[in-house]
Structures are given as C-alpha cells and as structure tokens.
Amino acid sequence: MLLQIFKSMNPADDPVTYAIPFFLITIAIELYINWKEKLNLYEPKDALASIGMGLGSLVIDIGMKGLAYGTYTYLYEHYSLFQLGWHWWVWVLILFADDFTFYWHHRLSHEIRILWAAHVNHHSSQTMNLATALRQSWGEQLYKFFWWLWMPLLGFHPLMMMMMMSFSLIYQYWVHTELIKKLPRWFEFIFNTPSHHRVHHASNLRYLDQNHAGILIIWDRLLGTFAEEDPKEKPIYGITKNIHTYNLFKIASHEYVDIWHDVQRAPGLLNKLKYIFMPPGWSHQGPDLRAKTLRKQLQEAKK
C-alpha cells in the first residue's frame, strides 16, 4: 500500500513541503524551552537570517529540482543498466546509495574551497538550534544534483531518488539542536545524531571538518572523518573567521568574494587555481591553515 502511494506521487509533491508545519512547531517548542530555561540558544536576528536563507534556497530549489528530475528521468529511460523497480529492498539500497553520495558531496564541500564557498553559509551561524537547520545554501542548489547522476544509470527510479533526498533533508533537520544530549549507544554508533552534528558545526580545532554524515554516521567512522563530542570541550559554533552579519546576500556570497580577492593577488596560474580548488586555509604564502594541517600540529604538540 505504501509503495503504491509513493509511486503515485508527483515530482512536485516534495515531502519537505509537507514537513514545514513540523519544522515550525518544533522551532516554537524549542523557543519555549529556551525561554523557560533561559538557555540562550537563540539570537533573534541570526534566527531570522537562517530562516531567510532557507526561504531563498527553497525558491532556487524549485527550479533546480525540476531540471534534476528531468535529467535523471532521461538517463534512467535511455541509459540505465538496470531498472530496479519499487521493491522494498530497493528502498534499503537507495538509503545507502543516497547517503553515501551525500557524504562525499558534503565532505568535499568542506575540502574544496569553491564548494566550501557555497556551503559555508550553513556554518556561519554562531548558534546551534533548529532554525540553524533552515540556513540552507543558495549556491549549492545550482549544482548539487550532479553528484547523484550515477544513480539513475544503475537503475534507481528518479522519483524514488528525489523522495530519498527529501527524506534525508528532513532527517537532518532534527540533529541541529543542543536540547538532545546523547542517545542510546547503538543509535549513536549507526546514525547521525545531535551530538555528532554539534561536532560538525563546531569551529574547535579537534572538531573541524568532521562528521559529514547525512543519516548514517558509519561513513565517517569507516573513512576517518569521525570525531566524538567531548563533554569537556563544548563546541564553539560558527566558522574560523566569523562574518558578523545578518545580510542574506553577504552570508551567501562572502566566501566567493574572498576567493576572488585571493585569486587576484596570487602569483601565477597554478596558485590562482589552488585558491579555488585547494581546501580552505591553503595559502601560497604565510601559515598553512588547512584543518588537517592544524589538527596534525595539535596532535604533535600533545606528544
């Protein structure tokens, strides 16, 4: 029965749209708890900026999802090696396939500077709350669907793919909170949780560029990008050079501007390209401020 409902859905029937009331209700609940317990989890202007970024992203996403669906459908109908159908086991496969794709898209968005320029706005809030989850990128919407092009070629139905992406986005909403501390150990071992995602949003050196999971934290554990939240070291949210602005256009574009300035002053074509494609923190002169380099230095200093 459930499969029939899914198959009858229109690509325009995005599950994220139906989740909006849930988002608003849970933000209201978190705001109430924040007020009652005097937790200082919210900064009003920052929360409004996050919501504004989310609305802008939603507008861009409408057009890009239509383009993505059309492209996936064309590849599926003309070039797919298989057509896997809508069986229950295909949903299990697509969960892992989608989540693994998201992991690499997300990880490389931290490790390639031009991709970081699109993703950084999601990290620029210095608070961690459910409104921060809505602080979605404008730039990423223009290209992120390319990462999933391999899936229709292997026979995953395009509508199934779009639904799985939406389910993943909805899942990732609830991990943006400080109210939930630790969940059962088995759940923390397999799934992305608020504890794991607080690490991801932290600018502390030991936490920087870790825990890129969407739904499953197992990819980070297997591929060396996992860091446990340490109760002795509270996450410091934001980016290494905070931008201190609520202007939506500056939030969306500031790293592109910084890249342009670095490219202008860089000597030679190779250095110019490195400012675009090397990890954030790379410099042709001065200290190497890449996250991996700084963490290595920290580990050596502790020996």
C-alpha atoms as a PDB file:
ATOM      1  CA  MET A   1       0.000   0.000   0.000  1.00  0.00           C
ATOM      2  CA  LEU A   2       2.747   2.436   0.961  1.00  0.00           C
ATOM      3  CA  LEU A   3       4.653   1.682  -2.233  1.00  0.00           C
ATOM      4  CA  GLN A   4       1.539   2.451  -4.282  1.00  0.00           C
ATOM      5  CA  ILE A   5       1.230   5.827  -2.568  1.00  0.00           C
ATOM      6  CA  PHE A   6       4.877   6.631  -3.305  1.00  0.00           C
ATOM      7  CA  LYS A   7       4.577   5.547  -6.941  1.00  0.00           C
ATOM      8  CA  SER A   8       1.504   7.728  -7.448  1.00  0.00           C
ATOM      9  CA  MET A   9       3.222  10.851  -6.151  1.00  0.00           C
ATOM     10  CA  ASN A  10       4.080  13.714  -8.485  1.00  0.00           C
ATOM     11  CA  PRO A  11       7.695  15.004  -8.514  1.00  0.00           C
ATOM     12  CA  ALA A  12       6.302  18.372  -7.395  1.00  0.00           C
ATOM     13  CA  ASP A  13       4.907  16.737  -4.232  1.00  0.00           C
ATOM     14  CA  ASP A  14       8.074  17.297  -2.230  1.00  0.00           C
ATOM     15  CA  PRO A  15       7.900  15.679   1.245  1.00  0.00           C
ATOM     16  CA  VAL A  16       9.887  18.665   2.577  1.00  0.00           C
ATOM     17  CA  THR A  17       6.898  20.898   1.800  1.00  0.00           C
ATOM     18  CA  TYR A  18       4.662  18.732   3.967  1.00  0.00           C
ATOM     19  CA  ALA A  19       7.271  18.830   6.745  1.00  0.00           C
ATOM     20  CA  ILE A  20       7.196  22.640   7.032  1.00  0.00           C
ATOM     21  CA  PRO A  21       4.467  22.643   9.733  1.00  0.00           C
ATOM     22  CA  PHE A  22       6.597  20.158  11.702  1.00  0.00           C
ATOM     23  CA  PHE A  23       9.593  22.481  11.349  1.00  0.00           C
ATOM     24  CA  LEU A  24       7.615  25.478  12.608  1.00  0.00           C
ATOM     25  CA  ILE A  25       6.040  23.610  15.531  1.00  0.00           C
ATOM     26  CA  THR A  26       9.350  22.174  16.722  1.00  0.00           C
ATOM     27  CA  ILE A  27      11.085  25.555  16.448  1.00  0.00           C
ATOM     28  CA  ALA A  28       8.275  27.028  18.558  1.00  0.00           C
ATOM     29  CA  ILE A  29       8.730  24.261  21.151  1.00  0.00           C
ATOM     30  CA  GLU A  30      12.487  24.827  21.239  1.00  0.00           C
ATOM     31  CA  LEU A  31      11.946  28.581  21.590  1.00  0.00           C
ATOM     32  CA  TYR A  32       9.599  27.984  24.514  1.00  0.00           C
ATOM     33  CA  ILE A  33      12.071  25.689  26.274  1.00  0.00           C
ATOM     34  CA  ASN A  34      14.838  28.182  25.537  1.00  0.00           C
ATOM     35  CA  TRP A  35      12.777  30.994  27.110  1.00  0.00           C
ATOM     36  CA  LYS A  36      11.592  28.968  30.095  1.00  0.00           C
ATOM     37  CA  GLU A  37      15.012  27.541  30.950  1.00  0.00           C
ATOM     38  CA  LYS A  38      16.928  30.716  29.983  1.00  0.00           C
ATOM     39  CA  LEU A  39      19.287  28.675  27.795  1.00  0.00           C
ATOM     40  CA  ASN A  40      20.313  31.453  25.377  1.00  0.00           C
ATOM     41  CA  LEU A  41      20.161  29.126  22.374  1.00  0.00           C
ATOM     42  CA  TYR A  42      18.730  31.731  20.019  1.00  0.00           C
ATOM     43  CA  GLU A  43      19.814  35.140  18.750  1.00  0.00           C
ATOM     44  CA  PRO A  44      16.715  36.663  17.100  1.00  0.00           C
ATOM     45  CA  LYS A  45      18.431  38.375  14.153  1.00  0.00           C
ATOM     46  CA  ASP A  46      20.539  35.305  13.480  1.00  0.00           C
ATOM     47  CA  ALA A  47      17.478  33.030  13.536  1.00  0.00           C
ATOM     48  CA  LEU A  48      15.645  35.331  11.113  1.00  0.00           C
ATOM     49  CA  ALA A  49      18.693  35.305   8.816  1.00  0.00           C
ATOM     50  CA  SER A  50      18.685  31.498   8.891  1.00  0.00           C
ATOM     51  CA  ILE A  51      15.004  31.372   8.001  1.00  0.00           C
ATOM     52  CA  GLY A  52      15.592  33.921   5.219  1.00  0.00           C
ATOM     53  CA  MET A  53      18.381  31.785   3.778  1.00  0.00           C
ATOM     54  CA  GLY A  54      16.047  28.793   3.917  1.00  0.00           C
ATOM     55  CA  LEU A  55      13.299  30.594   2.020  1.00  0.00           C
ATOM     56  CA  GLY A  56      15.759  31.760  -0.644  1.00  0.00           C
ATOM     57  CA  SER A  57      17.105  28.247  -1.000  1.00  0.00           C
ATOM     58  CA  LEU A  58      13.569  26.885  -1.355  1.00  0.00           C
ATOM     59  CA  VAL A  59      12.819  29.247  -4.247  1.00  0.00           C
ATOM     60  CA  ILE A  60      16.012  28.259  -6.104  1.00  0.00           C
ATOM     61  CA  ASP A  61      15.433  24.606  -5.320  1.00  0.00           C
ATOM     62  CA  ILE A  62      12.038  24.531  -7.037  1.00  0.00           C
ATOM     63  CA  GLY A  63      13.540  25.166 -10.458  1.00  0.00           C
ATOM     64  CA  MET A  64      16.628  23.031  -9.931  1.00  0.00           C
ATOM     65  CA  LYS A  65      14.656  20.013  -8.741  1.00  0.00           C
ATOM     66  CA  GLY A  66      12.594  20.111 -11.934  1.00  0.00           C
ATOM     67  CA  LEU A  67      15.778  20.210 -14.020  1.00  0.00           C
ATOM     68  CA  ALA A  68      17.342  17.422 -11.964  1.00  0.00           C
ATOM     69  CA  TYR A  69      14.264  15.209 -12.225  1.00  0.00           C
ATOM     70  CA  GLY A  70      14.153  15.676 -15.983  1.00  0.00           C
ATOM     71  CA  THR A  71      17.843  14.804 -16.312  1.00  0.00           C
ATOM     72  CA  TYR A  72      17.569  11.744 -14.060  1.00  0.00           C
ATOM     73  CA  THR A  73      14.495  10.557 -15.981  1.00  0.00           C
ATOM     74  CA  TYR A  74      16.265  10.898 -19.324  1.00  0.00           C
ATOM     75  CA  LEU A  75      19.281   8.925 -18.071  1.00  0.00           C
ATOM     76  CA  TYR A  76      17.039   6.298 -16.456  1.00  0.00           C
ATOM     77  CA  GLU A  77      14.924   5.757 -19.560  1.00  0.00           C
ATOM     78  CA  HIS A  78      17.733   5.765 -22.143  1.00  0.00           C
ATOM     79  CA  TYR A  79      20.992   4.716 -20.477  1.00  0.00           C
ATOM     80  CA  SER A  80      20.267   2.750 -17.280  1.00  0.00           C
ATOM     81  CA  LEU A  81      21.992  -0.613 -16.950  1.00  0.00           C
ATOM     82  CA  PHE A  82      19.038  -1.959 -14.944  1.00  0.00           C
ATOM     83  CA  GLN A  83      15.631  -0.794 -13.767  1.00  0.00           C
ATOM     84  CA  LEU A  84      15.368  -1.870 -10.161  1.00  0.00           C
ATOM     85  CA  GLY A  85      11.712  -1.028  -9.619  1.00  0.00           C
ATOM     86  CA  TRP A  86       9.957  -0.123  -6.372  1.00  0.00           C
ATOM     87  CA  HIS A  87      10.585  -3.219  -4.261  1.00  0.00           C
ATOM     88  CA  TRP A  88      11.152  -2.845  -0.511  1.00  0.00           C
ATOM     89  CA  TRP A  89      14.761  -3.939  -0.845  1.00  0.00           C
ATOM     90  CA  VAL A  90      15.386  -1.169  -3.384  1.00  0.00           C
ATOM     91  CA  TRP A  91      14.471   1.324  -0.653  1.00  0.00           C
ATOM     92  CA  VAL A  92      17.154  -0.231   1.532  1.00  0.00           C
ATOM     93  CA  LEU A  93      19.675   0.041  -1.301  1.00  0.00           C
ATOM     94  CA  ILE A  94      18.727   3.619  -2.125  1.00  0.00           C
ATOM     95  CA  LEU A  95      19.086   4.654   1.516  1.00  0.00           C
ATOM     96  CA  PHE A  96      22.725   3.541   1.475  1.00  0.00           C
ATOM     97  CA  ALA A  97      23.391   4.807  -2.066  1.00  0.00           C
ATOM     98  CA  ASP A  98      21.884   8.229  -1.420  1.00  0.00           C
ATOM     99  CA  ASP A  99      23.540   8.606   1.971  1.00  0.00           C
ATOM    100  CA  PHE A 100      26.976   7.595   0.669  1.00  0.00           C
ATOM    101  CA  THR A 101      26.592  10.113  -2.162  1.00  0.00           C
ATOM    102  CA  PHE A 102      25.563  12.799   0.306  1.00  0.00           C
ATOM    103  CA  TYR A 103      28.584  12.004   2.482  1.00  0.00           C
ATOM    104  CA  TRP A 104      31.025  12.656  -0.369  1.00  0.00           C
ATOM    105  CA  HIS A 105      29.151  15.727  -1.589  1.00  0.00           C
ATOM    106  CA  HIS A 106      29.211  17.105   1.962  1.00  0.00           C
ATOM    107  CA  ARG A 107      32.790  16.125   2.717  1.00  0.00           C
ATOM    108  CA  LEU A 108      34.165  17.643  -0.485  1.00  0.00           C
ATOM    109  CA  SER A 109      32.123  20.770   0.210  1.00  0.00           C
ATOM    110  CA  HIS A 110      34.456  21.199   3.185  1.00  0.00           C
ATOM    111  CA  GLU A 111      37.650  20.157   1.382  1.00  0.00           C
ATOM    112  CA  ILE A 112      37.397  22.058  -1.929  1.00  0.00           C
ATOM    113  CA  ARG A 113      37.264  25.794  -1.447  1.00  0.00           C
ATOM    114  CA  ILE A 114      34.949  26.737  -4.300  1.00  0.00           C
ATOM    115  CA  LEU A 115      32.446  24.178  -2.964  1.00  0.00           C
ATOM    116  CA  TRP A 116      33.011  25.477   0.557  1.00  0.00           C
ATOM    117  CA  ALA A 117      32.095  28.954  -0.713  1.00  0.00           C
ATOM    118  CA  ALA A 118      28.615  27.601  -1.458  1.00  0.00           C
ATOM    119  CA  HIS A 119      28.318  25.539   1.720  1.00  0.00           C
ATOM    120  CA  VAL A 120      29.857  27.917   4.271  1.00  0.00           C
ATOM    121  CA  ASN A 121      26.680  29.880   4.903  1.00  0.00           C
ATOM    122  CA  HIS A 122      25.167  26.835   6.630  1.00  0.00           C
ATOM    123  CA  HIS A 123      28.036  27.035   9.136  1.00  0.00           C
ATOM    124  CA  SER A 124      28.181  30.796   9.567  1.00  0.00           C
ATOM    125  CA  SER A 125      25.649  30.923  12.397  1.00  0.00           C
ATOM    126  CA  GLN A 126      27.251  31.094  15.830  1.00  0.00           C
ATOM    127  CA  THR A 127      24.270  29.375  17.391  1.00  0.00           C
ATOM    128  CA  MET A 128      23.019  25.800  17.178  1.00  0.00           C
ATOM    129  CA  ASN A 129      19.265  25.414  17.080  1.00  0.00           C
ATOM    130  CA  LEU A 130      16.512  24.156  14.799  1.00  0.00           C
ATOM    131  CA  ALA A 131      16.388  27.477  12.952  1.00  0.00           C
ATOM    132  CA  THR A 132      20.032  26.938  12.009  1.00  0.00           C
ATOM    133  CA  ALA A 133      18.939  23.802  10.138  1.00  0.00           C
ATOM    134  CA  LEU A 134      16.980  26.057   7.770  1.00  0.00           C
ATOM    135  CA  ARG A 135      20.118  28.094   6.954  1.00  0.00           C
ATOM    136  CA  GLN A 136      20.475  26.387   3.588  1.00  0.00           C
ATOM    137  CA  SER A 137      22.852  27.293   0.789  1.00  0.00           C
ATOM    138  CA  TRP A 138      21.765  29.197  -2.287  1.00  0.00           C
ATOM    139  CA  GLY A 139      24.813  28.282  -4.370  1.00  0.00           C
ATOM    140  CA  GLU A 140      24.694  24.539  -3.671  1.00  0.00           C
ATOM    141  CA  GLN A 141      21.220  24.261  -5.142  1.00  0.00           C
ATOM    142  CA  LEU A 142      22.646  25.141  -8.558  1.00  0.00           C
ATOM    143  CA  TYR A 143      24.899  22.085  -8.849  1.00  0.00           C
ATOM    144  CA  LYS A 144      24.421  19.569  -6.026  1.00  0.00           C
ATOM    145  CA  PHE A 145      22.140  17.293  -8.057  1.00  0.00           C
ATOM    146  CA  PHE A 146      25.089  16.394 -10.331  1.00  0.00           C
ATOM    147  CA  TRP A 147      26.518  14.245  -7.546  1.00  0.00           C
ATOM    148  CA  TRP A 148      23.591  11.845  -7.879  1.00  0.00           C
ATOM    149  CA  LEU A 149      23.830  11.316 -11.671  1.00  0.00           C
ATOM    150  CA  TRP A 150      25.277   7.830 -11.272  1.00  0.00           C
ATOM    151  CA  MET A 151      22.167   6.520  -9.525  1.00  0.00           C
ATOM    152  CA  PRO A 152      19.651   6.544 -12.426  1.00  0.00           C
ATOM    153  CA  LEU A 153      22.330   4.885 -14.562  1.00  0.00           C
ATOM    154  CA  LEU A 154      22.331   1.966 -12.115  1.00  0.00           C
ATOM    155  CA  GLY A 155      18.547   1.713 -12.252  1.00  0.00           C
ATOM    156  CA  PHE A 156      17.188   3.747  -9.337  1.00  0.00           C
ATOM    157  CA  HIS A 157      13.890   5.357 -10.300  1.00  0.00           C
ATOM    158  CA  PRO A 158      14.194   9.199 -10.447  1.00  0.00           C
ATOM    159  CA  LEU A 159      11.092   9.781  -8.329  1.00  0.00           C
ATOM    160  CA  MET A 160      12.432   7.374  -5.740  1.00  0.00           C
ATOM    161  CA  MET A 161      15.714   9.295  -5.756  1.00  0.00           C
ATOM    162  CA  MET A 162      14.064  12.684  -5.272  1.00  0.00           C
ATOM    163  CA  MET A 163      11.985  11.328  -2.405  1.00  0.00           C
ATOM    164  CA  MET A 164      15.015   9.814  -0.708  1.00  0.00           C
ATOM    165  CA  MET A 165      16.874  13.134  -0.950  1.00  0.00           C
ATOM    166  CA  SER A 166      13.924  14.868   0.698  1.00  0.00           C
ATOM    167  CA  PHE A 167      13.686  12.236   3.454  1.00  0.00           C
ATOM    168  CA  SER A 168      17.406  12.733   4.119  1.00  0.00           C
ATOM    169  CA  LEU A 169      16.970  16.504   4.357  1.00  0.00           C
ATOM    170  CA  ILE A 170      14.065  16.093   6.781  1.00  0.00           C
ATOM    171  CA  TYR A 171      16.130  13.697   8.906  1.00  0.00           C
ATOM    172  CA  GLN A 172      18.999  16.170   9.057  1.00  0.00           C
ATOM    173  CA  TYR A 173      16.718  18.879  10.434  1.00  0.00           C
ATOM    174  CA  TRP A 174      16.321  17.441  13.940  1.00  0.00           C
ATOM    175  CA  VAL A 175      20.047  16.965  14.588  1.00  0.00           C
ATOM    176  CA  HIS A 176      20.502  20.756  14.778  1.00  0.00           C
ATOM    177  CA  THR A 177      19.817  21.167  18.482  1.00  0.00           C
ATOM    178  CA  GLU A 178      21.528  21.383  21.846  1.00  0.00           C
ATOM    179  CA  LEU A 179      18.491  20.152  23.757  1.00  0.00           C
ATOM    180  CA  ILE A 180      19.127  16.477  22.935  1.00  0.00           C
ATOM    181  CA  LYS A 181      22.354  15.308  24.527  1.00  0.00           C
ATOM    182  CA  LYS A 182      23.225  11.645  23.960  1.00  0.00           C
ATOM    183  CA  LEU A 183      21.014   8.874  22.577  1.00  0.00           C
ATOM    184  CA  PRO A 184      21.436   5.104  23.150  1.00  0.00           C
ATOM    185  CA  ARG A 185      24.911   3.881  22.220  1.00  0.00           C
ATOM    186  CA  TRP A 186      23.702   1.652  19.368  1.00  0.00           C
ATOM    187  CA  PHE A 187      21.882   4.591  17.803  1.00  0.00           C
ATOM    188  CA  GLU A 188      24.889   6.888  18.211  1.00  0.00           C
ATOM    189  CA  PHE A 189      27.071   4.231  16.574  1.00  0.00           C
ATOM    190  CA  ILE A 190      24.949   3.882  13.422  1.00  0.00           C
ATOM    191  CA  PHE A 191      23.093   7.147  12.902  1.00  0.00           C
ATOM    192  CA  ASN A 192      23.842  10.841  12.726  1.00  0.00           C
ATOM    193  CA  THR A 193      22.654  12.451  15.967  1.00  0.00           C
ATOM    194  CA  PRO A 194      22.571  15.914  17.548  1.00  0.00           C
ATOM    195  CA  SER A 195      25.787  15.076  19.392  1.00  0.00           C
ATOM    196  CA  HIS A 196      27.594  14.130  16.167  1.00  0.00           C
ATOM    197  CA  HIS A 197      26.228  17.125  14.306  1.00  0.00           C
ATOM    198  CA  ARG A 198      27.202  19.594  17.032  1.00  0.00           C
ATOM    199  CA  VAL A 199      30.749  18.431  16.366  1.00  0.00           C
ATOM    200  CA  HIS A 200      30.263  19.078  12.662  1.00  0.00           C
ATOM    201  CA  HIS A 201      29.129  22.666  13.265  1.00  0.00           C
ATOM    202  CA  ALA A 202      31.924  23.428  15.727  1.00  0.00           C
ATOM    203  CA  SER A 203      34.962  25.533  14.880  1.00  0.00           C
ATOM    204  CA  ASN A 204      37.101  23.950  17.623  1.00  0.00           C
ATOM    205  CA  LEU A 205      40.240  22.573  16.011  1.00  0.00           C
ATOM    206  CA  ARG A 206      39.660  18.987  17.168  1.00  0.00           C
ATOM    207  CA  TYR A 207      36.147  19.072  15.690  1.00  0.00           C
ATOM    208  CA  LEU A 208      36.834  20.980  12.468  1.00  0.00           C
ATOM    209  CA  ASP A 209      35.659  19.269   9.242  1.00  0.00           C
ATOM    210  CA  GLN A 210      34.458  16.105  10.972  1.00  0.00           C
ATOM    211  CA  ASN A 211      31.171  14.132  10.936  1.00  0.00           C
ATOM    212  CA  HIS A 212      29.874  14.764   7.417  1.00  0.00           C
ATOM    213  CA  ALA A 213      27.041  12.248   7.779  1.00  0.00           C
ATOM    214  CA  GLY A 214      23.556  12.737   6.447  1.00  0.00           C
ATOM    215  CA  ILE A 215      21.615   9.898   8.066  1.00  0.00           C
ATOM    216  CA  LEU A 216      24.291   7.251   8.740  1.00  0.00           C
ATOM    217  CA  ILE A 217      27.418   8.119  10.738  1.00  0.00           C
ATOM    218  CA  ILE A 218      29.033   4.847   9.622  1.00  0.00           C
ATOM    219  CA  TRP A 219      30.686   6.545   6.605  1.00  0.00           C
ATOM    220  CA  ASP A 220      32.615   8.896   8.893  1.00  0.00           C
ATOM    221  CA  ARG A 221      33.647   6.014  11.125  1.00  0.00           C
ATOM    222  CA  LEU A 222      34.860   3.974   8.132  1.00  0.00           C
ATOM    223  CA  LEU A 223      36.581   6.793   6.252  1.00  0.00           C
ATOM    224  CA  GLY A 224      38.407   8.543   9.080  1.00  0.00           C
ATOM    225  CA  THR A 225      36.316  11.690   9.479  1.00  0.00           C
ATOM    226  CA  PHE A 226      34.588  10.849  12.761  1.00  0.00           C
ATOM    227  CA  ALA A 227      35.038  12.791  15.993  1.00  0.00           C
ATOM    228  CA  GLU A 228      33.204  12.135  19.250  1.00  0.00           C
ATOM    229  CA  GLU A 229      31.712  15.065  21.136  1.00  0.00           C
ATOM    230  CA  ASP A 230      33.803  15.557  24.263  1.00  0.00           C
ATOM    231  CA  PRO A 231      31.812  16.740  27.298  1.00  0.00           C
ATOM    232  CA  LYS A 232      34.976  18.521  28.458  1.00  0.00           C
ATOM    233  CA  GLU A 233      35.170  20.610  25.276  1.00  0.00           C
ATOM    234  CA  LYS A 234      31.961  22.415  24.404  1.00  0.00           C
ATOM    235  CA  PRO A 235      31.548  23.081  20.672  1.00  0.00           C
ATOM    236  CA  ILE A 236      32.123  26.667  19.588  1.00  0.00           C
ATOM    237  CA  TYR A 237      29.772  27.283  16.681  1.00  0.00           C
ATOM    238  CA  GLY A 238      30.498  29.326  13.596  1.00  0.00           C
ATOM    239  CA  ILE A 239      33.444  29.425  11.224  1.00  0.00           C
ATOM    240  CA  THR A 240      37.098  30.143  11.892  1.00  0.00           C
ATOM    241  CA  LYS A 241      36.648  33.758  10.704  1.00  0.00           C
ATOM    242  CA  ASN A 242      33.109  34.742  11.630  1.00  0.00           C
ATOM    243  CA  ILE A 243      31.409  37.246   9.341  1.00  0.00           C
ATOM    244  CA  HIS A 244      29.218  39.090  11.903  1.00  0.00           C
ATOM    245  CA  THR A 245      26.427  39.998   9.504  1.00  0.00           C
ATOM    246  CA  TYR A 246      22.739  39.231   9.062  1.00  0.00           C
ATOM    247  CA  ASN A 247      22.666  40.461   5.470  1.00  0.00           C
ATOM    248  CA  LEU A 248      21.445  37.495   3.422  1.00  0.00           C
ATOM    249  CA  PHE A 249      23.422  38.409   0.316  1.00  0.00           C
ATOM    250  CA  LYS A 250      26.654  38.776   2.299  1.00  0.00           C
ATOM    251  CA  ILE A 251      26.003  35.464   4.048  1.00  0.00           C
ATOM    252  CA  ALA A 252      25.511  33.785   0.677  1.00  0.00           C
ATOM    253  CA  SER A 253      28.446  35.397  -1.136  1.00  0.00           C
ATOM    254  CA  HIS A 254      31.220  36.355   1.297  1.00  0.00           C
ATOM    255  CA  GLU A 255      33.483  33.375   0.586  1.00  0.00           C
ATOM    256  CA  TYR A 256      33.180  33.840  -3.177  1.00  0.00           C
ATOM    257  CA  VAL A 257      34.355  37.424  -2.650  1.00  0.00           C
ATOM    258  CA  ASP A 258      37.298  36.236  -0.526  1.00  0.00           C
ATOM    259  CA  ILE A 259      38.282  33.702  -3.187  1.00  0.00           C
ATOM    260  CA  TRP A 260      38.213  36.414  -5.850  1.00  0.00           C
ATOM    261  CA  HIS A 261      40.497  38.642  -3.754  1.00  0.00           C
ATOM    262  CA  ASP A 262      42.917  35.748  -3.160  1.00  0.00           C
ATOM    263  CA  VAL A 263      42.957  34.845  -6.857  1.00  0.00           C
ATOM    264  CA  GLN A 264      43.705  38.463  -7.785  1.00  0.00           C
ATOM    265  CA  ARG A 265      46.738  38.686  -5.518  1.00  0.00           C
ATOM    266  CA  ALA A 266      48.090  35.178  -6.226  1.00  0.00           C
ATOM    267  CA  PRO A 267      51.170  34.948  -8.490  1.00  0.00           C
ATOM    268  CA  GLY A 268      50.863  32.611 -11.472  1.00  0.00           C
ATOM    269  CA  LEU A 269      48.018  30.490 -12.816  1.00  0.00           C
ATOM    270  CA  LEU A 270      48.786  27.462 -10.632  1.00  0.00           C
ATOM    271  CA  ASN A 271      48.487  29.436  -7.399  1.00  0.00           C
ATOM    272  CA  LYS A 272      45.297  31.065  -8.632  1.00  0.00           C
ATOM    273  CA  LEU A 273      43.784  27.638  -9.310  1.00  0.00           C
ATOM    274  CA  LYS A 274      44.897  26.370  -5.912  1.00  0.00           C
ATOM    275  CA  TYR A 275      42.975  29.169  -4.193  1.00  0.00           C
ATOM    276  CA  ILE A 276      39.892  27.865  -5.963  1.00  0.00           C
ATOM    277  CA  PHE A 277      40.333  24.096  -5.579  1.00  0.00           C
ATOM    278  CA  MET A 278      42.557  23.511  -2.550  1.00  0.00           C
ATOM    279  CA  PRO A 279      40.971  23.194   0.915  1.00  0.00           C
ATOM    280  CA  PRO A 280      40.047  26.369   2.812  1.00  0.00           C
ATOM    281  CA  GLY A 281      43.074  27.713   4.686  1.00  0.00           C
ATOM    282  CA  TRP A 282      45.611  26.979   1.950  1.00  0.00           C
ATOM    283  CA  SER A 283      47.897  29.891   1.131  1.00  0.00           C
ATOM    284  CA  HIS A 284      50.800  30.372  -1.256  1.00  0.00           C
ATOM    285  CA  GLN A 285      52.496  32.371   1.485  1.00  0.00           C
ATOM    286  CA  GLY A 286      52.187  32.519   5.230  1.00  0.00           C
ATOM    287  CA  PRO A 287      50.931  29.736   7.528  1.00  0.00           C
ATOM    288  CA  ASP A 288      49.064  26.674   6.284  1.00  0.00           C
ATOM    289  CA  LEU A 289      45.661  26.953   7.993  1.00  0.00           C
ATOM    290  CA  ARG A 290      44.014  23.888   6.476  1.00  0.00           C
ATOM    291  CA  ALA A 291      42.067  21.874   9.068  1.00  0.00           C
ATOM    292  CA  LYS A 292      44.065  18.657   8.544  1.00  0.00           C
ATOM    293  CA  THR A 293      47.368  20.506   8.909  1.00  0.00           C
ATOM    294  CA  LEU A 294      46.291  22.276  12.093  1.00  0.00           C
ATOM    295  CA  ARG A 295      44.959  19.068  13.662  1.00  0.00           C
ATOM    296  CA  LYS A 296      48.221  17.297  12.870  1.00  0.00           C
ATOM    297  CA  GLN A 297      50.161  20.093  14.543  1.00  0.00           C
ATOM    298  CA  LEU A 298      47.869  19.860  17.576  1.00  0.00           C
ATOM    299  CA  GLN A 299      48.415  16.105  17.864  1.00  0.00           C
ATOM    300  CA  GLU A 300      52.196  16.512  17.592  1.00  0.00           C
ATOM    301  CA  ALA A 301      52.162  19.202  20.260  1.00  0.00           C
ATOM    302  CA  LYS A 302      50.361  16.843  22.657  1.00  0.00           C
ATOM    303  CA  LYS A 303      53.028  14.119  22.322  1.00  0.00           C
END
